[in-house]
């Protein structure tokens, strides 16, 4: 059964994501890697955004050593930005 163009693009994108994730694993502690994959399972789009940010930071020499889990959490907060506050009016 031939693979259509959309399927081919999806496979190529998946390969690129795998290469990206394998690269950033070298710059995350075990705990941070675990946190990343938890994020990936709950919010895949945000996980890719985080992976790209780390990859770019490594390439620009902003990140030189492995990030600890607490450093990774701080990075996530900065990427995510401030949370919206909701006020309940009675």
Protein backbone atom coordinates (compact mmCIF):
# COMPACT_ATOMS: atom_id res chain seq x y z
CA UNK A 1 0.00 0.00 0.00
CA UNK A 2 1.65 3.30 -1.08
CA UNK A 3 2.18 6.03 1.47
CA UNK A 4 0.38 9.26 0.61
CA UNK A 5 2.02 12.69 0.82
CA UNK A 6 0.45 13.63 4.17
CA UNK A 7 1.60 10.38 5.75
CA UNK A 8 5.09 10.92 4.36
CA UNK A 9 5.23 14.43 5.86
CA UNK A 10 3.99 13.12 9.22
CA UNK A 11 6.67 10.43 9.28
CA UNK A 12 9.39 12.97 8.41
CA UNK A 13 8.17 15.35 11.13
CA UNK A 14 8.16 12.50 13.66
CA UNK A 15 11.77 11.65 12.74
CA UNK A 16 12.79 15.29 13.21
CA UNK A 17 11.10 15.39 16.63
CA UNK A 18 12.94 12.19 17.66
CA UNK A 19 16.30 13.69 16.63
CA UNK A 20 15.46 16.87 18.56
CA UNK A 21 14.48 14.93 21.68
CA UNK A 22 17.57 12.72 21.53
CA UNK A 23 19.73 15.84 21.34
CA UNK A 24 18.11 17.63 24.27
CA UNK A 25 18.26 14.50 26.46
CA UNK A 26 22.01 15.11 26.67
CA UNK A 27 21.30 18.43 28.40
CA UNK A 28 18.64 17.29 30.88
CA UNK A 29 19.02 15.39 34.15
CA UNK A 30 17.09 12.13 34.56
CA UNK A 31 14.40 13.95 36.54
CA UNK A 32 14.13 16.70 33.93
CA UNK A 33 13.83 14.11 31.14
CA UNK A 34 11.03 12.44 33.06
CA UNK A 35 9.29 15.81 33.49
CA UNK A 36 9.70 16.53 29.76
CA UNK A 37 8.03 13.26 28.75
CA UNK A 38 5.21 13.88 31.24
CA UNK A 39 4.64 17.24 29.57
CA UNK A 40 4.82 15.57 26.15
CA UNK A 41 2.07 13.13 27.09
CA UNK A 42 -0.23 15.87 28.40
CA UNK A 43 0.62 18.76 26.07
CA UNK A 44 2.60 17.64 22.98
CA UNK A 45 2.62 21.07 21.32
CA UNK A 46 4.13 22.73 24.40
CA UNK A 47 6.68 19.91 24.71
CA UNK A 48 7.89 20.54 21.15
CA UNK A 49 8.09 24.27 21.89
CA UNK A 50 10.21 23.50 24.99
CA UNK A 51 12.44 21.09 23.07
CA UNK A 52 13.04 23.67 20.34
CA UNK A 53 13.86 26.33 22.93
CA UNK A 54 16.40 24.06 24.65
CA UNK A 55 17.90 23.01 21.30
CA UNK A 56 18.33 26.63 20.22
CA UNK A 57 19.76 27.59 23.62
CA UNK A 58 22.32 24.79 23.36
CA UNK A 59 23.30 25.83 19.83
CA UNK A 60 23.75 29.43 20.98
CA UNK A 61 25.82 28.29 24.00
CA UNK A 62 23.30 29.58 26.55
CA UNK A 63 23.01 26.06 27.93
CA UNK A 64 26.34 24.31 28.37
CA UNK A 65 25.67 21.79 31.15
CA UNK A 66 22.83 19.45 32.05
CA UNK A 67 19.79 21.20 33.47
CA UNK A 68 18.64 19.95 36.86
CA UNK A 69 14.95 19.36 37.41
CA UNK A 70 14.60 22.63 39.33
CA UNK A 71 16.38 24.56 36.55
CA UNK A 72 14.13 22.87 34.00
CA UNK A 73 11.04 23.86 36.02
CA UNK A 74 12.21 27.49 36.05
CA UNK A 75 12.77 27.34 32.30
CA UNK A 76 9.25 25.98 31.81
CA UNK A 77 7.80 28.85 33.85
CA UNK A 78 9.64 31.38 31.70
CA UNK A 79 8.53 29.76 28.45
CA UNK A 80 4.94 29.42 29.63
CA UNK A 81 4.69 33.01 30.84
CA UNK A 82 2.43 34.26 33.59
CA UNK A 83 -0.73 32.32 34.29
CA UNK A 84 -4.03 34.08 33.87
CA UNK A 85 -5.88 34.87 37.05
CA UNK A 86 -9.59 34.31 37.20
CA UNK A 87 -11.75 36.17 39.67
CA UNK A 88 -15.05 34.72 40.66
CA UNK A 89 -17.63 37.43 41.14
CA UNK A 90 -20.64 36.63 43.29
